[in-house]
């Protein structure tokens, strides 16, 4: 049974945002410090292009703002699997280790 044309219109999926539109949304959410929304955009971008290093970097940054350090670390390791000499991923991992060391040191007091 077919739905009346008005109902068909309501039930159609809205068109997916283009990559460019998603990147604009990501910038806006980061600017407004809406990191949960930014993470959703990052996930959508990575769903479309799972090995896109810039999208992985953005996701790592958002994970950092959300305090999800383990996820940021795992994603940096994934970047290194794609490019073992990636300077940004190596620096990020160094910073993560430094943050953990400071936390461990602070917990002593």
C-alpha atoms as a PDB file:
ATOM      1  CA  UNK A   1       0.000   0.000   0.000  1.00  0.00           C
ATOM      2  CA  UNK A   2       1.364   3.366  -0.959  1.00  0.00           C
ATOM      3  CA  UNK A   3       1.344   6.341   1.353  1.00  0.00           C
ATOM      4  CA  UNK A   4      -0.310   9.540   0.165  1.00  0.00           C
ATOM      5  CA  UNK A   5       2.234  11.841  -1.452  1.00  0.00           C
ATOM      6  CA  UNK A   6       2.227  14.254   1.522  1.00  0.00           C
ATOM      7  CA  UNK A   7       3.206  11.471   3.900  1.00  0.00           C
ATOM      8  CA  UNK A   8       5.808  10.182   1.482  1.00  0.00           C
ATOM      9  CA  UNK A   9       7.479  13.595   1.556  1.00  0.00           C
ATOM     10  CA  UNK A  10       7.549  13.627   5.360  1.00  0.00           C
ATOM     11  CA  UNK A  11       9.079  10.176   5.551  1.00  0.00           C
ATOM     12  CA  UNK A  12      11.851  10.737   3.056  1.00  0.00           C
ATOM     13  CA  UNK A  13      15.262  10.924   4.570  1.00  0.00           C
ATOM     14  CA  UNK A  14      16.814  14.316   4.505  1.00  0.00           C
ATOM     15  CA  UNK A  15      19.768  14.476   2.158  1.00  0.00           C
ATOM     16  CA  UNK A  16      23.121  13.758   3.723  1.00  0.00           C
ATOM     17  CA  UNK A  17      25.399  16.691   4.346  1.00  0.00           C
ATOM     18  CA  UNK A  18      28.271  16.974   1.935  1.00  0.00           C
ATOM     19  CA  UNK A  19      31.791  16.599   3.211  1.00  0.00           C
ATOM     20  CA  UNK A  20      32.265  20.350   2.890  1.00  0.00           C
ATOM     21  CA  UNK A  21      29.123  21.008   4.945  1.00  0.00           C
ATOM     22  CA  UNK A  22      30.281  18.586   7.620  1.00  0.00           C
ATOM     23  CA  UNK A  23      33.658  20.317   7.830  1.00  0.00           C
ATOM     24  CA  UNK A  24      31.922  23.680   8.261  1.00  0.00           C
ATOM     25  CA  UNK A  25      29.784  22.207  11.049  1.00  0.00           C
ATOM     26  CA  UNK A  26      32.886  20.760  12.683  1.00  0.00           C
ATOM     27  CA  UNK A  27      34.616  24.143  12.677  1.00  0.00           C
ATOM     28  CA  UNK A  28      31.523  25.806  14.110  1.00  0.00           C
ATOM     29  CA  UNK A  29      31.116  23.237  16.894  1.00  0.00           C
ATOM     30  CA  UNK A  30      34.801  23.459  17.812  1.00  0.00           C
ATOM     31  CA  UNK A  31      34.604  27.256  17.862  1.00  0.00           C
ATOM     32  CA  UNK A  32      31.556  27.113  20.148  1.00  0.00           C
ATOM     33  CA  UNK A  33      33.215  24.386  22.269  1.00  0.00           C
ATOM     34  CA  UNK A  34      30.343  21.991  21.539  1.00  0.00           C
ATOM     35  CA  UNK A  35      32.608  18.980  21.536  1.00  0.00           C
ATOM     36  CA  UNK A  36      29.940  16.275  21.743  1.00  0.00           C
ATOM     37  CA  UNK A  37      28.357  17.606  18.561  1.00  0.00           C
ATOM     38  CA  UNK A  38      31.798  17.954  16.982  1.00  0.00           C
ATOM     39  CA  UNK A  39      32.517  14.315  17.780  1.00  0.00           C
ATOM     40  CA  UNK A  40      29.367  13.204  15.968  1.00  0.00           C
ATOM     41  CA  UNK A  41      30.524  15.099  12.895  1.00  0.00           C
ATOM     42  CA  UNK A  42      34.001  13.546  13.162  1.00  0.00           C
ATOM     43  CA  UNK A  43      32.481  10.085  13.363  1.00  0.00           C
ATOM     44  CA  UNK A  44      30.405  10.749  10.259  1.00  0.00           C
ATOM     45  CA  UNK A  45      33.472  11.972   8.373  1.00  0.00           C
ATOM     46  CA  UNK A  46      35.453   8.898   9.431  1.00  0.00           C
ATOM     47  CA  UNK A  47      32.559   6.633   8.459  1.00  0.00           C
ATOM     48  CA  UNK A  48      32.841   8.034   4.954  1.00  0.00           C
ATOM     49  CA  UNK A  49      36.645   8.012   4.829  1.00  0.00           C
ATOM     50  CA  UNK A  50      38.021   5.763   7.588  1.00  0.00           C
ATOM     51  CA  UNK A  51      41.687   6.256   6.698  1.00  0.00           C
ATOM     52  CA  UNK A  52      41.590  10.033   6.225  1.00  0.00           C
ATOM     53  CA  UNK A  53      44.396  11.227   8.499  1.00  0.00           C
ATOM     54  CA  UNK A  54      43.114  14.812   8.863  1.00  0.00           C
ATOM     55  CA  UNK A  55      39.748  13.497  10.028  1.00  0.00           C
ATOM     56  CA  UNK A  56      41.545  11.264  12.499  1.00  0.00           C
ATOM     57  CA  UNK A  57      43.523  14.259  13.809  1.00  0.00           C
ATOM     58  CA  UNK A  58      40.343  16.241  14.310  1.00  0.00           C
ATOM     59  CA  UNK A  59      38.784  13.329  16.144  1.00  0.00           C
ATOM     60  CA  UNK A  60      41.853  13.011  18.388  1.00  0.00           C
ATOM     61  CA  UNK A  61      41.598  16.692  19.275  1.00  0.00           C
ATOM     62  CA  UNK A  62      37.917  16.349  20.134  1.00  0.00           C
ATOM     63  CA  UNK A  63      38.602  13.241  22.222  1.00  0.00           C
ATOM     64  CA  UNK A  64      41.183  15.281  24.108  1.00  0.00           C
ATOM     65  CA  UNK A  65      38.688  18.048  24.856  1.00  0.00           C
ATOM     66  CA  UNK A  66      36.200  15.441  26.040  1.00  0.00           C
ATOM     67  CA  UNK A  67      38.809  13.796  28.258  1.00  0.00           C
ATOM     68  CA  UNK A  68      38.688  10.538  26.296  1.00  0.00           C
ATOM     69  CA  UNK A  69      42.447  10.088  26.293  1.00  0.00           C
ATOM     70  CA  UNK A  70      42.395   6.330  25.673  1.00  0.00           C
ATOM     71  CA  UNK A  71      40.389   6.826  22.490  1.00  0.00           C
ATOM     72  CA  UNK A  72      42.719   9.613  21.350  1.00  0.00           C
ATOM     73  CA  UNK A  73      45.690   7.347  21.985  1.00  0.00           C
ATOM     74  CA  UNK A  74      44.164   4.448  20.050  1.00  0.00           C
ATOM     75  CA  UNK A  75      43.404   6.684  17.091  1.00  0.00           C
ATOM     76  CA  UNK A  76      46.953   8.054  17.086  1.00  0.00           C
ATOM     77  CA  UNK A  77      48.220   4.463  16.944  1.00  0.00           C
ATOM     78  CA  UNK A  78      45.921   3.862  13.963  1.00  0.00           C
ATOM     79  CA  UNK A  79      47.469   6.900  12.246  1.00  0.00           C
ATOM     80  CA  UNK A  80      50.921   5.431  12.874  1.00  0.00           C
ATOM     81  CA  UNK A  81      49.848   2.160  11.255  1.00  0.00           C
ATOM     82  CA  UNK A  82      49.088   4.170   8.126  1.00  0.00           C
ATOM     83  CA  UNK A  83      52.258   6.258   8.386  1.00  0.00           C
ATOM     84  CA  UNK A  84      54.772   5.108  10.981  1.00  0.00           C
ATOM     85  CA  UNK A  85      56.728   8.370  10.792  1.00  0.00           C
ATOM     86  CA  UNK A  86      53.760  10.719  11.196  1.00  0.00           C
ATOM     87  CA  UNK A  87      55.211  13.534  13.299  1.00  0.00           C
ATOM     88  CA  UNK A  88      51.865  14.820  14.592  1.00  0.00           C
ATOM     89  CA  UNK A  89      50.764  11.398  15.826  1.00  0.00           C
ATOM     90  CA  UNK A  90      54.127  10.837  17.499  1.00  0.00           C
ATOM     91  CA  UNK A  91      53.942  14.240  19.188  1.00  0.00           C
ATOM     92  CA  UNK A  92      50.360  13.575  20.290  1.00  0.00           C
ATOM     93  CA  UNK A  93      51.346  10.248  21.825  1.00  0.00           C
ATOM     94  CA  UNK A  94      54.228  11.942  23.621  1.00  0.00           C
ATOM     95  CA  UNK A  95      51.849  14.533  25.031  1.00  0.00           C
ATOM     96  CA  UNK A  96      49.431  11.831  26.160  1.00  0.00           C
ATOM     97  CA  UNK A  97      52.250  10.007  27.971  1.00  0.00           C
ATOM     98  CA  UNK A  98      53.314  13.285  29.576  1.00  0.00           C
ATOM     99  CA  UNK A  99      49.741  13.988  30.727  1.00  0.00           C
ATOM    100  CA  UNK A 100      49.484  10.533  32.251  1.00  0.00           C
ATOM    101  CA  UNK A 101      52.841  10.905  33.993  1.00  0.00           C
ATOM    102  CA  UNK A 102      51.756  14.223  35.524  1.00  0.00           C
ATOM    103  CA  UNK A 103      48.498  12.675  36.680  1.00  0.00           C
ATOM    104  CA  UNK A 104      50.352   9.740  38.208  1.00  0.00           C
ATOM    105  CA  UNK A 105      52.772  12.139  39.896  1.00  0.00           C
ATOM    106  CA  UNK A 106      49.907  14.290  41.166  1.00  0.00           C
ATOM    107  CA  UNK A 107      48.135  11.235  42.597  1.00  0.00           C
ATOM    108  CA  UNK A 108      51.095  10.664  44.929  1.00  0.00           C
ATOM    109  CA  UNK A 109      50.087  13.787  46.877  1.00  0.00           C
END
